[in-house]
Amino acid sequence: MVPVLRVVGPPGSGKTLLIVSLVEALRSRGFRIATVVRREAIESALLDHDAARQLDAGAATTVIVLSSGGRITMERAMALPGLREVVASLDPSIDLLLAEGFEDAGYPAVELSPPGGAALVTDSDDLLAVVSSDEIAGAFERFGPGETNGLADLVEREVLGGEPDVSMGLEVDGDPVEAVGFVRDVIAKPVFTMVEQLKGVGAPRSIRLSLRRRGKGKG
């Protein structure tokens, strides 16, 4: 059965922004992602005028967006077990279902935490990660959707049962520096692509690159 990841948090905490960014990040890695949102969790500003008018009138309680981009509205609420079966039957090739506005226990969850917000509501057994509302809003504003690669790494490893397709170790002046997410993607992947174009190299599994510059450096 298709895995489910819940995105939870108080109204206005950035759940929709996180889902948009996470969908973009995972799709760029080749995963097919569907989403499901309960009516009370939908931010109507992200919908077209007709859809927003229908929701205001109470015409739909659940919105499903398939991996193809197709959207289905349902005039009743459903628990995640039933919704997962419905989505899987409509979109059999999906790799992950992201669910916003669902409190069903037993499914991993990412919780948004606004500054000065209340204590976390997700059971510790389900909690995969806690994301600062300010952090996701700032990343979205500066980089646009997709800049959640560190979280995407975690989801790929813990929920989808895989590992990122490219890993990277980085040392600066002999000190190890964390290199995941955006940093890894803009350095490691282009280096692999460029090296593969070199005559006689083929498809290397690992590359060791040493960079040094002249000058006094810091201080």
N, C-alpha and C. Protein backbone atom coordinates (compact mmCIF):
# COMPACT_ATOMS: atom_id res chain seq x y z
N MET A 1 0.85 -1.20 0.00
CA MET A 1 0.00 0.00 0.00
C MET A 1 0.88 1.24 0.00
N VAL A 2 0.42 2.28 -0.68
CA VAL A 2 1.20 3.50 -0.81
C VAL A 2 1.47 4.12 0.57
N PRO A 3 2.72 4.54 0.84
CA PRO A 3 3.01 5.18 2.12
C PRO A 3 2.36 6.55 2.22
N VAL A 4 2.06 6.97 3.47
CA VAL A 4 1.41 8.24 3.75
C VAL A 4 2.29 9.06 4.68
N LEU A 5 2.40 10.35 4.40
CA LEU A 5 3.07 11.27 5.30
C LEU A 5 2.13 12.42 5.61
N ARG A 6 1.82 12.63 6.89
CA ARG A 6 0.95 13.73 7.29
C ARG A 6 1.77 15.00 7.51
N VAL A 7 1.19 16.14 7.18
CA VAL A 7 1.75 17.45 7.50
C VAL A 7 0.75 18.14 8.40
N VAL A 8 1.16 18.43 9.63
CA VAL A 8 0.23 18.95 10.63
C VAL A 8 0.78 20.24 11.22
N GLY A 9 -0.11 21.00 11.84
CA GLY A 9 0.26 22.26 12.48
C GLY A 9 -0.95 23.15 12.58
N PRO A 10 -0.87 24.21 13.38
CA PRO A 10 -2.01 25.12 13.54
C PRO A 10 -2.28 25.90 12.27
N PRO A 11 -3.47 26.49 12.14
CA PRO A 11 -3.78 27.29 10.95
C PRO A 11 -2.76 28.40 10.75
N GLY A 12 -2.35 28.59 9.49
CA GLY A 12 -1.40 29.64 9.17
C GLY A 12 0.05 29.31 9.47
N SER A 13 0.34 28.07 9.84
CA SER A 13 1.71 27.71 10.21
C SER A 13 2.59 27.41 9.00
N GLY A 14 2.00 27.27 7.82
CA GLY A 14 2.81 27.02 6.62
C GLY A 14 2.71 25.61 6.08
N LYS A 15 1.66 24.89 6.44
CA LYS A 15 1.52 23.50 5.98
C LYS A 15 1.48 23.42 4.45
N THR A 16 0.70 24.30 3.84
CA THR A 16 0.57 24.25 2.38
C THR A 16 1.89 24.60 1.70
N LEU A 17 2.62 25.59 2.22
CA LEU A 17 3.92 25.93 1.66
C LEU A 17 4.87 24.75 1.76
N LEU A 18 4.86 24.07 2.89
CA LEU A 18 5.75 22.93 3.06
C LEU A 18 5.40 21.82 2.09
N ILE A 19 4.11 21.55 1.91
CA ILE A 19 3.70 20.49 0.99
C ILE A 19 4.11 20.84 -0.44
N VAL A 20 3.87 22.09 -0.86
CA VAL A 20 4.26 22.49 -2.21
C VAL A 20 5.76 22.31 -2.42
N SER A 21 6.56 22.71 -1.45
CA SER A 21 8.01 22.60 -1.56
C SER A 21 8.46 21.14 -1.56
N LEU A 22 7.85 20.34 -0.67
CA LEU A 22 8.25 18.94 -0.57
C LEU A 22 7.85 18.16 -1.82
N VAL A 23 6.68 18.46 -2.37
CA VAL A 23 6.27 17.82 -3.62
C VAL A 23 7.27 18.13 -4.72
N GLU A 24 7.68 19.39 -4.84
CA GLU A 24 8.64 19.79 -5.87
C GLU A 24 9.97 19.08 -5.69
N ALA A 25 10.46 19.03 -4.44
CA ALA A 25 11.74 18.40 -4.16
C ALA A 25 11.72 16.90 -4.49
N LEU A 26 10.65 16.22 -4.11
CA LEU A 26 10.57 14.78 -4.34
C LEU A 26 10.31 14.46 -5.81
N ARG A 27 9.51 15.28 -6.48
CA ARG A 27 9.28 15.06 -7.91
C ARG A 27 10.57 15.24 -8.71
N SER A 28 11.43 16.17 -8.28
CA SER A 28 12.69 16.36 -8.98
C SER A 28 13.60 15.15 -8.85
N ARG A 29 13.32 14.27 -7.87
CA ARG A 29 14.09 13.04 -7.69
C ARG A 29 13.43 11.85 -8.38
N GLY A 30 12.33 12.11 -9.08
CA GLY A 30 11.68 11.05 -9.84
C GLY A 30 10.52 10.38 -9.15
N PHE A 31 10.12 10.86 -7.96
CA PHE A 31 9.00 10.26 -7.25
C PHE A 31 7.68 10.88 -7.72
N ARG A 32 6.64 10.06 -7.73
CA ARG A 32 5.31 10.52 -8.09
C ARG A 32 4.52 10.74 -6.79
N ILE A 33 4.09 11.98 -6.59
CA ILE A 33 3.48 12.38 -5.32
C ILE A 33 2.04 12.82 -5.54
N ALA A 34 1.14 12.33 -4.70
CA ALA A 34 -0.24 12.80 -4.67
C ALA A 34 -0.47 13.47 -3.32
N THR A 35 -1.46 14.37 -3.27
CA THR A 35 -1.76 15.05 -2.02
C THR A 35 -3.26 14.99 -1.74
N VAL A 36 -3.59 15.08 -0.46
CA VAL A 36 -5.00 15.13 -0.07
C VAL A 36 -5.12 16.14 1.06
N VAL A 37 -6.14 17.01 0.96
CA VAL A 37 -6.31 18.10 1.92
C VAL A 37 -7.76 18.13 2.38
N ARG A 38 -7.97 18.23 3.68
CA ARG A 38 -9.32 18.41 4.20
C ARG A 38 -9.77 19.85 4.02
N ARG A 39 -11.07 20.03 3.89
CA ARG A 39 -11.63 21.36 3.58
C ARG A 39 -11.17 22.42 4.55
N GLU A 40 -11.16 22.13 5.84
CA GLU A 40 -10.82 23.14 6.83
C GLU A 40 -9.35 23.51 6.78
N ALA A 41 -8.53 22.70 6.07
CA ALA A 41 -7.10 22.97 6.00
C ALA A 41 -6.71 23.67 4.72
N ILE A 42 -7.65 23.86 3.79
CA ILE A 42 -7.32 24.42 2.49
C ILE A 42 -7.19 25.94 2.57
N GLU A 43 -6.16 26.47 1.99
CA GLU A 43 -6.01 27.92 1.89
C GLU A 43 -6.59 28.33 0.54
N SER A 44 -7.75 28.96 0.56
CA SER A 44 -8.47 29.23 -0.68
C SER A 44 -7.69 30.13 -1.63
N ALA A 45 -6.71 30.85 -1.11
CA ALA A 45 -5.91 31.72 -1.99
C ALA A 45 -5.14 30.92 -3.03
N LEU A 46 -4.92 29.64 -2.75
CA LEU A 46 -4.16 28.81 -3.68
C LEU A 46 -5.07 28.14 -4.70
N LEU A 47 -6.38 28.36 -4.60
CA LEU A 47 -7.32 27.72 -5.51
C LEU A 47 -7.83 28.73 -6.53
N ASP A 48 -8.36 28.23 -7.65
CA ASP A 48 -8.97 29.13 -8.60
C ASP A 48 -10.30 29.64 -8.05
N HIS A 49 -10.87 30.66 -8.70
CA HIS A 49 -12.05 31.34 -8.16
C HIS A 49 -13.23 30.39 -7.99
N ASP A 50 -13.48 29.55 -9.01
CA ASP A 50 -14.64 28.65 -8.94
C ASP A 50 -14.49 27.64 -7.81
N ALA A 51 -13.27 27.09 -7.67
CA ALA A 51 -13.05 26.11 -6.61
C ALA A 51 -13.21 26.76 -5.24
N ALA A 52 -12.66 27.97 -5.08
CA ALA A 52 -12.79 28.65 -3.80
C ALA A 52 -14.25 28.93 -3.47
N ARG A 53 -15.05 29.31 -4.48
CA ARG A 53 -16.46 29.59 -4.26
C ARG A 53 -17.20 28.32 -3.83
N GLN A 54 -16.85 27.18 -4.44
CA GLN A 54 -17.48 25.92 -4.06
C GLN A 54 -17.15 25.57 -2.61
N LEU A 55 -15.89 25.79 -2.22
CA LEU A 55 -15.51 25.46 -0.86
C LEU A 55 -16.21 26.37 0.14
N ASP A 56 -16.32 27.65 -0.20
CA ASP A 56 -17.03 28.57 0.69
C ASP A 56 -18.47 28.15 0.89
N ALA A 57 -19.04 27.55 -0.16
CA ALA A 57 -20.43 27.11 -0.07
C ALA A 57 -20.56 25.74 0.57
N GLY A 58 -19.45 25.13 0.96
CA GLY A 58 -19.48 23.83 1.59
C GLY A 58 -19.70 22.70 0.62
N ALA A 59 -19.38 22.90 -0.68
CA ALA A 59 -19.65 21.88 -1.68
C ALA A 59 -18.64 20.76 -1.67
N ALA A 60 -17.48 20.97 -1.04
CA ALA A 60 -16.47 19.92 -1.00
C ALA A 60 -15.81 19.90 0.36
N THR A 61 -15.49 18.73 0.86
CA THR A 61 -14.82 18.63 2.15
C THR A 61 -13.42 18.07 2.00
N THR A 62 -13.10 17.45 0.89
CA THR A 62 -11.78 16.87 0.69
C THR A 62 -11.34 17.11 -0.75
N VAL A 63 -10.08 17.53 -0.92
CA VAL A 63 -9.53 17.74 -2.25
C VAL A 63 -8.34 16.81 -2.44
N ILE A 64 -8.37 16.02 -3.50
CA ILE A 64 -7.27 15.12 -3.86
C ILE A 64 -6.60 15.66 -5.12
N VAL A 65 -5.27 15.80 -5.08
CA VAL A 65 -4.50 16.17 -6.26
C VAL A 65 -3.62 14.98 -6.63
N LEU A 66 -3.85 14.41 -7.80
CA LEU A 66 -3.11 13.24 -8.25
C LEU A 66 -1.73 13.64 -8.73
N SER A 67 -0.86 12.66 -8.92
CA SER A 67 0.51 12.96 -9.36
C SER A 67 0.53 13.59 -10.74
N SER A 68 -0.51 13.37 -11.53
CA SER A 68 -0.61 13.97 -12.87
C SER A 68 -1.05 15.43 -12.82
N GLY A 69 -1.49 15.90 -11.65
CA GLY A 69 -2.00 17.25 -11.52
C GLY A 69 -3.52 17.32 -11.53
N GLY A 70 -4.19 16.23 -11.87
CA GLY A 70 -5.65 16.21 -11.85
C GLY A 70 -6.18 16.35 -10.44
N ARG A 71 -7.32 17.03 -10.30
CA ARG A 71 -7.88 17.29 -8.98
C ARG A 71 -9.29 16.73 -8.88
N ILE A 72 -9.55 16.13 -7.73
CA ILE A 72 -10.86 15.54 -7.45
C ILE A 72 -11.36 16.11 -6.13
N THR A 73 -12.61 16.55 -6.10
CA THR A 73 -13.21 17.03 -4.87
C THR A 73 -14.27 16.05 -4.40
N MET A 74 -14.34 15.86 -3.09
CA MET A 74 -15.30 14.94 -2.49
C MET A 74 -16.13 15.70 -1.48
N GLU A 75 -17.43 15.45 -1.47
CA GLU A 75 -18.35 16.18 -0.60
C GLU A 75 -18.52 15.51 0.75
N ARG A 76 -17.55 14.79 1.17
CA ARG A 76 -17.60 14.18 2.50
C ARG A 76 -16.18 13.97 3.01
N ALA A 77 -16.05 13.88 4.31
CA ALA A 77 -14.75 13.63 4.92
C ALA A 77 -14.52 12.12 5.01
N MET A 78 -13.28 11.73 4.84
CA MET A 78 -12.90 10.33 4.97
C MET A 78 -11.65 10.22 5.82
N ALA A 79 -11.53 9.14 6.55
CA ALA A 79 -10.31 8.88 7.31
C ALA A 79 -9.22 8.42 6.34
N LEU A 80 -7.99 8.52 6.79
CA LEU A 80 -6.86 8.22 5.92
C LEU A 80 -6.85 6.80 5.36
N PRO A 81 -7.22 5.77 6.12
CA PRO A 81 -7.19 4.42 5.53
C PRO A 81 -8.03 4.32 4.26
N GLY A 82 -9.27 4.86 4.32
CA GLY A 82 -10.13 4.81 3.15
C GLY A 82 -9.62 5.70 2.03
N LEU A 83 -9.13 6.89 2.38
CA LEU A 83 -8.61 7.80 1.37
C LEU A 83 -7.39 7.22 0.66
N ARG A 84 -6.55 6.54 1.41
CA ARG A 84 -5.36 5.94 0.80
C ARG A 84 -5.76 4.92 -0.25
N GLU A 85 -6.79 4.14 0.03
CA GLU A 85 -7.25 3.16 -0.95
C GLU A 85 -7.85 3.84 -2.18
N VAL A 86 -8.61 4.92 -1.94
CA VAL A 86 -9.21 5.65 -3.06
C VAL A 86 -8.13 6.22 -3.96
N VAL A 87 -7.14 6.88 -3.37
CA VAL A 87 -6.08 7.52 -4.15
C VAL A 87 -5.26 6.47 -4.89
N ALA A 88 -4.97 5.36 -4.23
CA ALA A 88 -4.19 4.31 -4.88
C ALA A 88 -4.93 3.72 -6.07
N SER A 89 -6.25 3.64 -5.98
CA SER A 89 -7.02 3.10 -7.11
C SER A 89 -7.08 4.09 -8.26
N LEU A 90 -7.08 5.39 -7.95
CA LEU A 90 -7.12 6.42 -8.98
C LEU A 90 -5.76 6.66 -9.61
N ASP A 91 -4.71 6.47 -8.82
CA ASP A 91 -3.35 6.81 -9.24
C ASP A 91 -2.40 5.70 -8.78
N PRO A 92 -2.46 4.52 -9.44
CA PRO A 92 -1.74 3.35 -8.94
C PRO A 92 -0.22 3.50 -8.92
N SER A 93 0.32 4.46 -9.67
CA SER A 93 1.78 4.57 -9.76
C SER A 93 2.40 5.50 -8.73
N ILE A 94 1.60 6.09 -7.83
CA ILE A 94 2.17 7.06 -6.90
C ILE A 94 3.10 6.37 -5.91
N ASP A 95 4.10 7.13 -5.47
CA ASP A 95 5.08 6.64 -4.49
C ASP A 95 4.77 7.12 -3.07
N LEU A 96 4.05 8.25 -2.95
CA LEU A 96 3.79 8.81 -1.63
C LEU A 96 2.53 9.66 -1.67
N LEU A 97 1.75 9.58 -0.59
CA LEU A 97 0.57 10.43 -0.42
C LEU A 97 0.85 11.39 0.72
N LEU A 98 0.86 12.69 0.42
CA LEU A 98 1.02 13.73 1.43
C LEU A 98 -0.37 14.19 1.88
N ALA A 99 -0.61 14.17 3.18
CA ALA A 99 -1.94 14.46 3.71
C ALA A 99 -1.88 15.66 4.64
N GLU A 100 -2.66 16.69 4.33
CA GLU A 100 -2.72 17.91 5.15
C GLU A 100 -4.05 17.98 5.88
N GLY A 101 -3.97 18.25 7.18
CA GLY A 101 -5.19 18.43 7.97
C GLY A 101 -5.75 17.14 8.54
N PHE A 102 -4.94 16.10 8.64
CA PHE A 102 -5.41 14.82 9.17
C PHE A 102 -4.70 14.51 10.48
N GLU A 103 -5.47 14.09 11.46
CA GLU A 103 -4.92 13.77 12.77
C GLU A 103 -4.91 12.27 13.04
N ASP A 104 -5.14 11.46 12.01
CA ASP A 104 -5.17 10.01 12.19
C ASP A 104 -3.83 9.50 12.72
N ALA A 105 -3.86 8.85 13.88
CA ALA A 105 -2.64 8.31 14.46
C ALA A 105 -2.19 7.08 13.66
N GLY A 106 -0.92 6.77 13.81
CA GLY A 106 -0.37 5.59 13.16
C GLY A 106 0.29 5.88 11.83
N TYR A 107 0.34 7.16 11.42
CA TYR A 107 1.00 7.56 10.18
C TYR A 107 2.08 8.58 10.51
N PRO A 108 3.26 8.47 9.89
CA PRO A 108 4.33 9.45 10.18
C PRO A 108 3.87 10.85 9.85
N ALA A 109 4.41 11.82 10.60
CA ALA A 109 3.97 13.20 10.44
C ALA A 109 5.14 14.16 10.56
N VAL A 110 5.06 15.24 9.78
CA VAL A 110 5.93 16.40 9.94
C VAL A 110 5.08 17.50 10.54
N GLU A 111 5.52 18.07 11.65
CA GLU A 111 4.73 19.10 12.32
C GLU A 111 5.38 20.47 12.16
N LEU A 112 4.56 21.45 11.76
CA LEU A 112 5.01 22.84 11.66
C LEU A 112 4.89 23.51 13.02
N SER A 113 5.94 24.22 13.41
CA SER A 113 5.95 24.86 14.72
C SER A 113 6.16 26.36 14.55
N PRO A 114 5.10 27.18 14.73
CA PRO A 114 5.25 28.63 14.62
C PRO A 114 5.93 29.21 15.85
N PRO A 115 6.57 30.38 15.73
CA PRO A 115 7.22 31.01 16.89
C PRO A 115 6.21 31.25 18.02
N GLY A 116 6.57 30.83 19.21
CA GLY A 116 5.70 31.03 20.35
C GLY A 116 4.45 30.19 20.33
N GLY A 117 4.42 29.17 19.47
CA GLY A 117 3.25 28.33 19.34
C GLY A 117 3.09 27.37 20.51
N ALA A 118 1.99 26.65 20.50
CA ALA A 118 1.71 25.70 21.56
C ALA A 118 2.63 24.49 21.44
N ALA A 119 2.55 23.63 22.45
CA ALA A 119 3.36 22.41 22.45
C ALA A 119 2.98 21.52 21.27
N LEU A 120 3.89 20.65 20.86
CA LEU A 120 3.64 19.76 19.75
C LEU A 120 2.45 18.85 20.05
N VAL A 121 1.67 18.56 19.01
CA VAL A 121 0.47 17.75 19.19
C VAL A 121 0.64 16.33 18.66
N THR A 122 1.68 16.09 17.87
CA THR A 122 1.87 14.77 17.26
C THR A 122 2.47 13.79 18.26
N ASP A 123 1.91 12.60 18.29
CA ASP A 123 2.45 11.55 19.15
C ASP A 123 3.90 11.28 18.77
N SER A 124 4.74 11.05 19.77
CA SER A 124 6.17 10.87 19.51
C SER A 124 6.45 9.68 18.60
N ASP A 125 5.58 8.66 18.64
CA ASP A 125 5.79 7.49 17.78
C ASP A 125 5.56 7.82 16.31
N ASP A 126 4.77 8.86 16.03
CA ASP A 126 4.48 9.24 14.65
C ASP A 126 5.33 10.40 14.14
N LEU A 127 5.96 11.13 15.05
CA LEU A 127 6.65 12.37 14.68
C LEU A 127 7.95 12.06 13.92
N LEU A 128 7.98 12.47 12.66
CA LEU A 128 9.18 12.29 11.84
C LEU A 128 10.11 13.48 11.96
N ALA A 129 9.55 14.69 11.95
CA ALA A 129 10.37 15.90 12.02
C ALA A 129 9.51 17.07 12.47
N VAL A 130 10.16 18.07 13.03
CA VAL A 130 9.53 19.34 13.38
C VAL A 130 10.19 20.42 12.54
N VAL A 131 9.38 21.23 11.86
CA VAL A 131 9.90 22.27 10.97
C VAL A 131 9.41 23.62 11.46
N SER A 132 10.31 24.58 11.56
CA SER A 132 9.95 25.93 11.96
C SER A 132 9.15 26.61 10.86
N SER A 133 8.04 27.23 11.24
CA SER A 133 7.23 27.97 10.27
C SER A 133 8.05 29.08 9.60
N ASP A 134 8.85 29.78 10.38
CA ASP A 134 9.68 30.85 9.84
C ASP A 134 10.69 30.31 8.84
N GLU A 135 11.23 29.14 9.13
CA GLU A 135 12.24 28.55 8.25
C GLU A 135 11.65 28.20 6.89
N ILE A 136 10.50 27.56 6.87
CA ILE A 136 9.92 27.16 5.58
C ILE A 136 9.43 28.38 4.82
N ALA A 137 8.88 29.38 5.51
CA ALA A 137 8.43 30.60 4.83
C ALA A 137 9.61 31.36 4.24
N GLY A 138 10.72 31.44 4.97
CA GLY A 138 11.90 32.13 4.48
C GLY A 138 12.52 31.43 3.28
N ALA A 139 12.60 30.10 3.35
CA ALA A 139 13.16 29.34 2.23
C ALA A 139 12.29 29.48 0.99
N PHE A 140 10.98 29.46 1.17
CA PHE A 140 10.07 29.58 0.04
C PHE A 140 10.21 30.96 -0.60
N GLU A 141 10.34 32.00 0.24
CA GLU A 141 10.45 33.35 -0.29
C GLU A 141 11.75 33.56 -1.05
N ARG A 142 12.85 32.99 -0.54
CA ARG A 142 14.16 33.22 -1.16
C ARG A 142 14.41 32.32 -2.36
N PHE A 143 14.01 31.04 -2.25
CA PHE A 143 14.39 30.07 -3.27
C PHE A 143 13.21 29.53 -4.07
N GLY A 144 11.98 29.78 -3.61
CA GLY A 144 10.83 29.21 -4.29
C GLY A 144 10.59 27.78 -3.84
N PRO A 145 9.62 27.11 -4.46
CA PRO A 145 9.31 25.73 -4.07
C PRO A 145 10.47 24.80 -4.37
N GLY A 146 10.62 23.79 -3.54
CA GLY A 146 11.65 22.79 -3.77
C GLY A 146 12.80 22.87 -2.80
N GLU A 147 12.96 23.97 -2.07
CA GLU A 147 14.09 24.09 -1.16
C GLU A 147 13.76 23.46 0.20
N THR A 148 13.50 22.18 0.18
CA THR A 148 13.31 21.40 1.40
C THR A 148 14.08 20.10 1.26
N ASN A 149 15.27 20.19 0.68
CA ASN A 149 16.00 18.97 0.34
C ASN A 149 16.45 18.17 1.56
N GLY A 150 16.76 18.87 2.66
CA GLY A 150 17.13 18.13 3.86
C GLY A 150 15.97 17.28 4.36
N LEU A 151 14.77 17.86 4.37
CA LEU A 151 13.58 17.10 4.76
C LEU A 151 13.28 16.02 3.73
N ALA A 152 13.47 16.34 2.44
CA ALA A 152 13.24 15.33 1.40
C ALA A 152 14.16 14.14 1.57
N ASP A 153 15.41 14.39 1.99
CA ASP A 153 16.33 13.29 2.28
C ASP A 153 15.76 12.38 3.37
N LEU A 154 15.25 13.01 4.43
CA LEU A 154 14.69 12.25 5.55
C LEU A 154 13.48 11.44 5.11
N VAL A 155 12.59 12.06 4.33
CA VAL A 155 11.40 11.35 3.84
C VAL A 155 11.80 10.21 2.93
N GLU A 156 12.76 10.45 2.06
CA GLU A 156 13.20 9.39 1.15
C GLU A 156 13.77 8.21 1.92
N ARG A 157 14.52 8.50 2.98
CA ARG A 157 15.16 7.43 3.75
C ARG A 157 14.18 6.72 4.68
N GLU A 158 13.37 7.49 5.42
CA GLU A 158 12.55 6.90 6.48
C GLU A 158 11.16 6.47 6.02
N VAL A 159 10.60 7.14 5.02
CA VAL A 159 9.24 6.83 4.58
C VAL A 159 9.24 6.03 3.28
N LEU A 160 10.09 6.42 2.35
CA LEU A 160 10.13 5.75 1.05
C LEU A 160 11.13 4.60 1.02
N GLY A 161 11.92 4.46 2.07
CA GLY A 161 12.81 3.31 2.18
C GLY A 161 13.98 3.32 1.23
N GLY A 162 14.47 4.50 0.89
CA GLY A 162 15.61 4.59 -0.02
C GLY A 162 16.66 5.53 0.52
N GLU A 163 17.68 5.77 -0.28
CA GLU A 163 18.73 6.71 0.04
C GLU A 163 18.83 7.74 -1.08
N PRO A 164 19.25 8.97 -0.78
CA PRO A 164 19.45 9.95 -1.85
C PRO A 164 20.37 9.40 -2.92
N ASP A 165 20.10 9.74 -4.18
CA ASP A 165 20.88 9.17 -5.27
C ASP A 165 22.31 9.68 -5.32
N VAL A 166 22.59 10.79 -4.67
CA VAL A 166 23.94 11.33 -4.62
C VAL A 166 24.23 11.78 -3.19
N SER A 167 25.39 11.40 -2.66
CA SER A 167 25.82 11.86 -1.34
C SER A 167 27.13 12.61 -1.50
N MET A 168 27.47 13.41 -0.51
CA MET A 168 28.67 14.22 -0.61
C MET A 168 29.26 14.47 0.77
N GLY A 169 30.59 14.33 0.87
CA GLY A 169 31.32 14.73 2.06
C GLY A 169 32.08 16.01 1.74
N LEU A 170 32.12 16.94 2.67
CA LEU A 170 32.75 18.22 2.42
C LEU A 170 33.58 18.63 3.62
N GLU A 171 34.83 19.02 3.36
CA GLU A 171 35.71 19.58 4.39
C GLU A 171 36.17 20.95 3.94
N VAL A 172 36.17 21.89 4.84
CA VAL A 172 36.66 23.24 4.57
C VAL A 172 37.81 23.51 5.51
N ASP A 173 39.01 23.71 4.96
CA ASP A 173 40.23 23.90 5.76
C ASP A 173 40.40 22.80 6.79
N GLY A 174 40.08 21.57 6.37
CA GLY A 174 40.27 20.41 7.22
C GLY A 174 39.15 20.08 8.17
N ASP A 175 38.14 20.94 8.23
CA ASP A 175 37.01 20.70 9.14
C ASP A 175 35.80 20.20 8.35
N PRO A 176 35.17 19.12 8.80
CA PRO A 176 33.99 18.61 8.09
C PRO A 176 32.83 19.60 8.18
N VAL A 177 32.10 19.76 7.08
CA VAL A 177 30.95 20.66 7.01
C VAL A 177 29.77 19.87 6.47
N GLU A 178 28.61 20.04 7.09
CA GLU A 178 27.42 19.34 6.62
C GLU A 178 27.07 19.79 5.21
N ALA A 179 26.86 18.81 4.33
CA ALA A 179 26.58 19.13 2.92
C ALA A 179 25.41 18.27 2.46
N VAL A 180 24.20 18.72 2.76
CA VAL A 180 22.99 18.02 2.34
C VAL A 180 22.08 19.02 1.65
N GLY A 181 20.99 18.50 1.12
CA GLY A 181 19.97 19.36 0.56
C GLY A 181 20.47 20.22 -0.58
N PHE A 182 20.21 21.52 -0.48
CA PHE A 182 20.51 22.46 -1.56
C PHE A 182 22.00 22.47 -1.90
N VAL A 183 22.87 22.47 -0.87
CA VAL A 183 24.32 22.50 -1.10
C VAL A 183 24.76 21.28 -1.89
N ARG A 184 24.31 20.11 -1.46
CA ARG A 184 24.68 18.88 -2.17
C ARG A 184 24.19 18.88 -3.60
N ASP A 185 22.96 19.33 -3.79
CA ASP A 185 22.38 19.27 -5.13
C ASP A 185 23.07 20.21 -6.12
N VAL A 186 23.51 21.39 -5.65
CA VAL A 186 24.13 22.33 -6.58
C VAL A 186 25.62 22.06 -6.78
N ILE A 187 26.23 21.21 -5.94
CA ILE A 187 27.64 20.89 -6.11
C ILE A 187 27.83 19.48 -6.66
N ALA A 188 27.32 18.48 -5.94
CA ALA A 188 27.62 17.09 -6.28
C ALA A 188 27.02 16.66 -7.62
N LYS A 189 25.74 16.94 -7.82
CA LYS A 189 25.09 16.47 -9.06
C LYS A 189 25.71 17.09 -10.31
N PRO A 190 25.97 18.42 -10.35
CA PRO A 190 26.63 18.97 -11.54
C PRO A 190 28.03 18.41 -11.77
N VAL A 191 28.77 18.14 -10.67
CA VAL A 191 30.12 17.58 -10.82
C VAL A 191 30.04 16.20 -11.47
N PHE A 192 29.14 15.34 -10.98
CA PHE A 192 28.97 14.02 -11.60
C PHE A 192 28.62 14.16 -13.07
N THR A 193 27.70 15.07 -13.39
CA THR A 193 27.28 15.25 -14.78
C THR A 193 28.43 15.68 -15.66
N MET A 194 29.24 16.64 -15.19
CA MET A 194 30.36 17.13 -15.99
C MET A 194 31.45 16.07 -16.15
N VAL A 195 31.75 15.34 -15.08
CA VAL A 195 32.80 14.33 -15.16
C VAL A 195 32.41 13.20 -16.10
N GLU A 196 31.12 12.86 -16.13
CA GLU A 196 30.67 11.80 -17.02
C GLU A 196 30.85 12.15 -18.49
N GLN A 197 31.01 13.45 -18.78
CA GLN A 197 31.21 13.87 -20.17
C GLN A 197 32.67 13.74 -20.60
N LEU A 198 33.57 13.51 -19.64
CA LEU A 198 34.98 13.40 -19.98
C LEU A 198 35.26 12.09 -20.71
N LYS A 199 36.11 12.14 -21.67
CA LYS A 199 36.42 10.97 -22.50
C LYS A 199 37.01 9.85 -21.65
N GLY A 200 36.44 8.66 -21.79
CA GLY A 200 36.96 7.48 -21.13
C GLY A 200 36.55 7.32 -19.68
N VAL A 201 35.72 8.22 -19.13
CA VAL A 201 35.35 8.13 -17.72
C VAL A 201 34.17 7.20 -17.50
N GLY A 202 33.16 7.28 -18.35
CA GLY A 202 31.98 6.44 -18.16
C GLY A 202 31.07 7.00 -17.09
N ALA A 203 30.58 6.12 -16.21
CA ALA A 203 29.65 6.52 -15.14
C ALA A 203 30.30 6.21 -13.79
N PRO A 204 31.09 7.14 -13.25
CA PRO A 204 31.79 6.88 -11.99
C PRO A 204 30.84 6.74 -10.81
N ARG A 205 31.21 5.89 -9.86
CA ARG A 205 30.42 5.73 -8.63
C ARG A 205 30.85 6.73 -7.56
N SER A 206 32.11 7.16 -7.63
CA SER A 206 32.60 8.15 -6.66
C SER A 206 33.63 9.05 -7.34
N ILE A 207 33.73 10.26 -6.84
CA ILE A 207 34.67 11.24 -7.37
C ILE A 207 35.35 11.92 -6.18
N ARG A 208 36.66 12.04 -6.25
CA ARG A 208 37.38 12.78 -5.22
C ARG A 208 37.95 14.04 -5.85
N LEU A 209 37.56 15.18 -5.34
CA LEU A 209 37.93 16.47 -5.91
C LEU A 209 38.56 17.32 -4.83
N SER A 210 39.75 17.84 -5.09
CA SER A 210 40.44 18.70 -4.14
C SER A 210 40.58 20.09 -4.74
N LEU A 211 40.16 21.10 -4.02
CA LEU A 211 40.23 22.48 -4.48
C LEU A 211 41.08 23.30 -3.51
N ARG A 212 41.92 24.15 -4.06
CA ARG A 212 42.76 25.02 -3.23
C ARG A 212 42.92 26.36 -3.94
N ARG A 213 42.91 27.42 -3.19
CA ARG A 213 43.12 28.72 -3.80
C ARG A 213 44.27 29.46 -3.11
N ARG A 214 44.93 30.29 -3.88
CA ARG A 214 46.01 31.09 -3.35
C ARG A 214 45.44 32.27 -2.56
N GLY A 215 46.23 32.79 -1.65
CA GLY A 215 45.77 33.94 -0.89
C GLY A 215 45.92 33.71 0.60
N LYS A 216 45.63 34.72 1.36
CA LYS A 216 45.81 34.66 2.80
C LYS A 216 44.65 34.00 3.52
N GLY A 217 43.51 33.90 2.80
CA GLY A 217 42.33 33.31 3.45
C GLY A 217 41.75 34.24 4.49
N LYS A 218 41.00 33.69 5.40
CA LYS A 218 40.36 34.50 6.43
C LYS A 218 41.37 35.03 7.43
N GLY A 219 41.04 36.16 8.00
CA GLY A 219 41.89 36.73 9.03
C GLY A 219 42.96 37.62 8.43
